[in-house]
Amino acid sequence: MSNGIPDAPDTGATALQPGTFDGQTVLVTGGGTGLGKAIASEFARLGAKIAISSRKEEHLEAGRAAMTELGAAVCVTPCDIRDPESISNAFDTIEKEVGRPSVLVNNAAANFPVPAEDMSPNAWRTVVDITLNGTFFCAREFGRRHLDAATPASIINVGASYAWTGGPGFAHSAAAKAGVKNMVETLAVEWGPYGIQVNGLVPGLMPHEDMTADIRGNLDRTNDKDPCQPALRVGRPRELGWAATFLASPYGRFISGHTLVVDGANWQRRSLTNPNVVSVRDQMGKGPFSAQ
């Protein structure tokens, strides 16, 4: 077998010019950990002031430490993206401390694997409320402020490939992410005349130290992740950050209403012959369903 797609350049490398985001503020929701932190880090390396919002204090402090280490000005603020008033207060704090964000990365989301028949109404509502409603509420607050000020801006919604394909075991998240993808296409047309660019960004398998226990458990059940990818390797979190900085940069301004998948073609993989079907319950190691 060939060697697959070459590995990414080293951390700290960038295709964009140094200082591309000098003087700009970039808000990354859920940017204190994981892929959100990786995205924020690449904007920081290109000169941006970084704002991070999260419900969890420990995530805010982790984000502050990471951005400070990169030499970026940083503002962290608590925010529950399910609550429009909390979002408005967070934007007020950010504007006061580091200026109005010119880039919004809607990264915060909720997700966990569960067979649809086991999913409680509260589980469904919680994931949809955070992932879909929260993304819209943040985009709406951001958009209204730029419409009022007549200033150009860029929104990036972090999505998931099962917005196209469906997501067995993730019915709540897949439905919400399909809405997020549609939101990209809708808002790009509505707000384009006012200079607001809207795109989506979908990560592939990009292992990182902040993965939740359930996602880590799913990965641990796969012995070797690289041969499972058409690229013959997993992605690097910094590769998602590089894609985000390009989309929001002056060099990507005519790209709007597009969702970019950064996964080495994994979501488009098909087999010449179909393997045996294994139910979601069996894949999760669950016994037969019981309504009791």
Protein backbone atom coordinates (compact mmCIF):
# COMPACT_ATOMS: atom_id res chain seq x y z
CA MET A 1 0.00 0.00 0.00
CA SER A 2 1.18 3.53 -0.74
CA ASN A 3 1.98 6.07 1.95
CA GLY A 4 -1.20 8.14 1.72
CA ILE A 5 -1.45 11.91 2.07
CA PRO A 6 1.74 13.49 3.47
CA ASP A 7 1.66 14.70 7.05
CA ALA A 8 0.91 18.32 7.93
CA PRO A 9 3.63 20.93 8.35
CA ASP A 10 4.86 21.45 11.88
CA THR A 11 2.88 23.36 14.49
CA GLY A 12 3.51 27.09 14.08
CA ALA A 13 3.77 26.99 10.28
CA THR A 14 1.32 29.11 8.30
CA ALA A 15 0.52 29.75 4.65
CA LEU A 16 -0.87 33.20 5.39
CA GLN A 17 1.24 36.29 5.86
CA PRO A 18 2.34 37.11 9.42
CA GLY A 19 0.04 39.74 10.86
CA THR A 20 -2.91 38.82 8.61
CA PHE A 21 -5.28 39.40 11.54
CA ASP A 22 -3.42 42.23 13.27
CA GLY A 23 -5.88 44.56 15.02
CA GLN A 24 -8.79 42.15 14.68
CA THR A 25 -10.65 40.28 17.40
CA VAL A 26 -11.74 36.69 16.82
CA LEU A 27 -14.37 35.06 19.05
CA VAL A 28 -14.29 31.27 19.31
CA THR A 29 -17.14 29.76 21.31
CA GLY A 30 -15.90 26.77 23.26
CA GLY A 31 -12.39 27.85 22.29
CA GLY A 32 -10.66 26.84 25.52
CA THR A 33 -10.21 23.18 24.67
CA GLY A 34 -9.89 20.74 21.81
CA LEU A 35 -10.46 21.78 18.22
CA GLY A 36 -11.79 25.17 19.29
CA LYS A 37 -8.49 25.88 21.00
CA ALA A 38 -6.63 24.71 17.90
CA ILE A 39 -8.62 27.17 15.76
CA ALA A 40 -8.08 30.02 18.22
CA SER A 41 -4.36 29.27 18.31
CA GLU A 42 -3.92 29.70 14.57
CA PHE A 43 -5.73 33.04 14.60
CA ALA A 44 -3.53 34.09 17.53
CA ARG A 45 -0.37 33.17 15.62
CA LEU A 46 -1.50 35.50 12.83
CA GLY A 47 -1.89 38.49 15.15
CA ALA A 48 -5.53 38.34 16.24
CA LYS A 49 -6.82 39.25 19.67
CA ILE A 50 -8.72 36.23 20.90
CA ALA A 51 -12.03 36.05 22.76
CA ILE A 52 -13.14 32.73 24.20
CA SER A 53 -16.54 31.94 25.68
CA SER A 54 -17.57 28.85 27.62
CA ARG A 55 -19.88 27.76 30.41
CA LYS A 56 -16.99 26.15 32.29
CA GLU A 57 -14.45 28.19 34.23
CA GLU A 58 -11.72 25.57 33.81
CA HIS A 59 -12.12 25.73 30.04
CA LEU A 60 -11.88 29.51 30.08
CA GLU A 61 -8.68 29.38 32.09
CA ALA A 62 -7.21 26.71 29.81
CA GLY A 63 -7.95 28.93 26.83
CA ARG A 64 -6.49 31.99 28.51
CA ALA A 65 -3.27 30.12 29.32
CA ALA A 66 -2.90 28.77 25.78
CA MET A 67 -3.45 32.15 24.10
CA THR A 68 -1.19 33.96 26.58
CA GLU A 69 1.56 31.46 25.84
CA LEU A 70 1.26 32.41 22.17
CA GLY A 71 1.58 36.10 23.05
CA ALA A 72 -1.97 37.01 22.06
CA ALA A 73 -4.21 39.48 23.81
CA VAL A 74 -7.06 37.40 25.19
CA CYS A 75 -10.47 37.93 26.76
CA VAL A 76 -12.38 35.05 28.32
CA THR A 77 -16.00 35.31 29.35
CA PRO A 78 -18.60 32.92 30.70
CA CYS A 79 -21.49 32.37 28.32
CA ASP A 80 -24.37 29.95 27.93
CA ILE A 81 -25.11 30.01 24.22
CA ARG A 82 -28.62 28.68 24.86
CA ASP A 83 -29.44 32.05 26.44
CA PRO A 84 -29.55 35.11 24.14
CA GLU A 85 -29.14 37.46 27.11
CA SER A 86 -25.99 35.62 28.23
CA ILE A 87 -24.64 35.94 24.68
CA SER A 88 -25.38 39.68 24.58
CA ASN A 89 -23.60 40.17 27.90
CA ALA A 90 -20.59 38.20 26.66
CA PHE A 91 -20.35 40.36 23.52
CA ASP A 92 -20.52 43.49 25.66
CA THR A 93 -17.62 42.23 27.77
CA ILE A 94 -15.56 41.28 24.73
CA GLU A 95 -16.14 44.62 22.99
CA LYS A 96 -15.09 46.46 26.13
CA GLU A 97 -11.91 44.44 26.67
CA VAL A 98 -10.59 43.61 23.18
CA GLY A 99 -12.97 45.23 20.69
CA ARG A 100 -15.87 44.03 18.58
CA PRO A 101 -15.06 40.64 17.03
CA SER A 102 -14.72 40.74 13.26
CA VAL A 103 -14.68 36.94 13.10
CA LEU A 104 -17.04 34.59 14.92
CA VAL A 105 -16.26 30.87 15.06
CA ASN A 106 -19.33 28.98 16.27
CA ASN A 107 -17.52 25.97 17.67
CA ALA A 108 -19.45 25.19 20.87
CA ALA A 109 -21.73 22.15 20.60
CA ALA A 110 -23.04 19.19 22.54
CA ASN A 111 -22.85 15.55 21.52
CA PHE A 112 -22.80 12.01 22.88
CA PRO A 113 -23.55 8.63 21.31
CA VAL A 114 -26.90 7.01 22.11
CA PRO A 115 -29.27 4.74 20.17
CA ALA A 116 -32.32 6.75 19.10
CA GLU A 117 -34.69 4.45 20.98
CA ASP A 118 -32.79 5.10 24.22
CA MET A 119 -32.64 8.88 23.78
CA SER A 120 -34.65 10.86 26.32
CA PRO A 121 -36.62 13.94 25.26
CA ASN A 122 -34.31 15.99 27.48
CA ALA A 123 -31.21 14.62 25.73
CA TRP A 124 -32.68 15.55 22.35
CA ARG A 125 -33.63 19.04 23.49
CA THR A 126 -30.28 19.71 25.14
CA VAL A 127 -28.17 18.80 22.11
CA VAL A 128 -30.42 20.65 19.66
CA ASP A 129 -30.63 23.66 21.98
CA ILE A 130 -26.86 24.02 22.28
CA THR A 131 -25.76 22.93 18.81
CA LEU A 132 -28.46 24.47 16.61
CA ASN A 133 -30.18 27.16 18.66
CA GLY A 134 -26.96 28.32 20.31
CA THR A 135 -25.20 28.64 16.96
CA PHE A 136 -28.04 30.76 15.61
CA PHE A 137 -28.28 32.95 18.70
CA CYS A 138 -24.54 33.69 18.53
CA ALA A 139 -24.65 34.37 14.79
CA ARG A 140 -27.68 36.61 15.26
CA GLU A 141 -26.02 38.71 17.99
CA PHE A 142 -22.82 39.00 15.95
CA GLY A 143 -24.70 39.82 12.74
CA ARG A 144 -26.93 42.47 14.34
CA ARG A 145 -23.94 44.31 15.77
CA HIS A 146 -22.19 44.42 12.41
CA LEU A 147 -25.34 45.34 10.53
CA ASP A 148 -25.86 48.23 12.95
CA ALA A 149 -22.25 49.39 12.58
CA ALA A 150 -22.13 48.74 8.80
CA THR A 151 -18.88 46.79 9.18
CA PRO A 152 -17.78 43.68 7.24
CA ALA A 153 -17.33 40.43 9.14
CA SER A 154 -16.92 36.67 8.85
CA ILE A 155 -18.77 33.78 10.49
CA ILE A 156 -17.54 30.18 10.54
CA ASN A 157 -19.90 27.49 11.81
CA VAL A 158 -18.19 24.27 12.81
CA GLY A 159 -20.29 21.41 11.46
CA ALA A 160 -20.16 17.66 10.97
CA SER A 161 -20.18 15.47 7.86
CA TYR A 162 -23.23 13.56 9.04
CA ALA A 163 -25.22 16.70 8.25
CA TRP A 164 -25.23 15.20 4.73
CA THR A 165 -25.15 11.49 5.47
CA GLY A 166 -27.11 11.06 8.69
CA GLY A 167 -25.41 9.87 11.86
CA PRO A 168 -26.52 6.53 13.30
CA GLY A 169 -26.02 6.72 17.05
CA PHE A 170 -26.09 10.52 16.91
CA ALA A 171 -29.62 11.36 15.74
CA HIS A 172 -29.79 14.50 17.88
CA SER A 173 -26.45 15.91 16.81
CA ALA A 174 -26.83 14.92 13.15
CA ALA A 175 -30.19 16.69 12.90
CA ALA A 176 -28.80 19.78 14.63
CA LYS A 177 -25.70 19.88 12.44
CA ALA A 178 -27.86 19.58 9.32
CA GLY A 179 -29.59 22.73 10.53
CA VAL A 180 -26.23 24.42 11.12
CA LYS A 181 -25.17 23.64 7.54
CA ASN A 182 -28.42 25.04 6.19
CA MET A 183 -27.95 28.13 8.33
CA VAL A 184 -24.60 28.75 6.60
CA GLU A 185 -26.27 28.77 3.21
CA THR A 186 -29.20 30.91 4.34
CA LEU A 187 -27.29 33.58 6.25
CA ALA A 188 -24.62 33.86 3.55
CA VAL A 189 -27.29 35.07 1.12
CA GLU A 190 -29.16 37.26 3.61
CA TRP A 191 -26.11 39.01 4.99
CA GLY A 192 -23.80 39.01 1.97
CA PRO A 193 -25.06 42.43 0.77
CA TYR A 194 -23.90 43.87 4.11
CA GLY A 195 -20.39 42.46 3.86
CA ILE A 196 -20.88 39.50 6.20
CA GLN A 197 -19.38 36.28 4.91
CA VAL A 198 -20.73 32.97 6.31
CA ASN A 199 -19.10 29.56 5.90
CA GLY A 200 -19.03 26.15 7.51
CA LEU A 201 -16.05 24.04 8.53
CA VAL A 202 -16.21 20.30 9.18
CA PRO A 203 -13.42 18.41 10.95
CA GLY A 204 -12.58 14.80 10.30
CA LEU A 205 -10.99 12.50 12.86
CA MET A 206 -8.49 14.75 14.64
CA PRO A 207 -7.52 13.18 17.97
CA HIS A 208 -6.62 15.63 20.73
CA GLU A 209 -6.10 15.64 24.47
CA ASP A 210 -9.53 17.07 25.30
CA MET A 211 -11.74 14.42 23.70
CA THR A 212 -14.67 13.32 25.85
CA ALA A 213 -14.60 9.88 27.42
CA ASP A 214 -17.30 8.48 25.11
CA ILE A 215 -15.51 9.63 21.95
CA ARG A 216 -12.20 8.37 23.32
CA GLY A 217 -13.89 5.05 24.05
CA ASN A 218 -15.16 4.77 20.48
CA LEU A 219 -11.65 5.43 19.16
CA ASP A 220 -10.13 2.93 21.56
CA ARG A 221 -12.31 0.21 20.04
CA THR A 222 -10.55 0.81 16.71
CA ASN A 223 -7.11 -0.73 16.92
CA ASP A 224 -5.34 1.46 14.37
CA LYS A 225 -7.00 4.65 13.19
CA ASP A 226 -4.68 5.59 10.30
CA PRO A 227 -5.51 2.68 7.92
CA CYS A 228 -9.22 3.43 8.44
CA GLN A 229 -8.78 6.76 6.60
CA PRO A 230 -8.37 7.18 2.82
CA ALA A 231 -5.47 9.52 3.64
CA LEU A 232 -3.88 6.68 5.67
CA ARG A 233 -3.58 9.07 8.57
CA VAL A 234 -5.78 11.01 10.94
CA GLY A 235 -5.99 14.79 10.82
CA ARG A 236 -4.04 17.22 12.96
CA PRO A 237 -6.03 19.83 14.89
CA ARG A 238 -3.84 22.61 13.46
CA GLU A 239 -5.07 21.66 9.97
CA LEU A 240 -8.57 22.71 10.99
CA GLY A 241 -7.15 25.97 12.34
CA TRP A 242 -5.37 26.67 9.07
CA ALA A 243 -8.61 26.13 7.14
CA ALA A 244 -10.49 28.51 9.45
CA THR A 245 -7.90 31.28 9.12
CA PHE A 246 -7.97 30.99 5.34
CA LEU A 247 -11.76 31.19 5.14
CA ALA A 248 -11.82 34.35 7.28
CA SER A 249 -8.78 35.93 5.64
CA PRO A 250 -8.74 38.54 2.85
CA TYR A 251 -7.82 35.70 0.48
CA GLY A 252 -11.06 33.82 1.15
CA ARG A 253 -13.55 36.67 1.06
CA PHE A 254 -15.36 35.55 -2.10
CA ILE A 255 -16.04 32.16 -0.53
CA SER A 256 -19.38 32.36 1.23
CA GLY A 257 -22.22 29.92 1.78
CA HIS A 258 -19.78 27.02 1.53
CA THR A 259 -19.05 24.24 4.02
CA LEU A 260 -15.47 22.97 3.79
CA VAL A 261 -14.81 19.41 4.95
CA VAL A 262 -11.28 18.83 6.28
CA ASP A 263 -11.14 15.06 6.67
CA GLY A 264 -8.96 13.54 3.94
CA ALA A 265 -12.07 12.36 2.04
CA ASN A 266 -13.08 10.00 4.84
CA TRP A 267 -16.76 10.99 4.77
CA GLN A 268 -16.96 10.08 1.07
CA ARG A 269 -15.44 6.62 1.50
CA ARG A 270 -17.44 3.74 0.06
CA SER A 271 -16.65 0.02 -0.10
CA LEU A 272 -16.88 -2.01 -3.29
CA THR A 273 -18.61 -4.70 -1.29
CA ASN A 274 -20.73 -3.97 1.75
CA PRO A 275 -19.61 -5.38 5.10
CA ASN A 276 -22.12 -7.09 7.33
CA VAL A 277 -24.44 -4.66 9.12
CA VAL A 278 -23.85 -4.32 12.86
CA SER A 279 -26.60 -2.50 14.73
CA VAL A 280 -25.82 0.67 16.63
CA ARG A 281 -26.75 -1.08 19.87
CA ASP A 282 -24.24 -3.85 19.19
CA GLN A 283 -21.54 -1.36 18.20
CA MET A 284 -22.04 0.36 21.55
CA GLY A 285 -22.01 -2.90 23.46
CA LYS A 286 -25.61 -2.53 24.60
CA GLY A 287 -28.01 -5.40 25.18
CA PRO A 288 -31.45 -5.80 23.62
CA PHE A 289 -33.77 -2.82 23.95
CA SER A 290 -36.32 -2.88 26.73
CA ALA A 291 -38.98 -0.21 27.21
CA GLN A 292 -38.67 -0.86 30.95
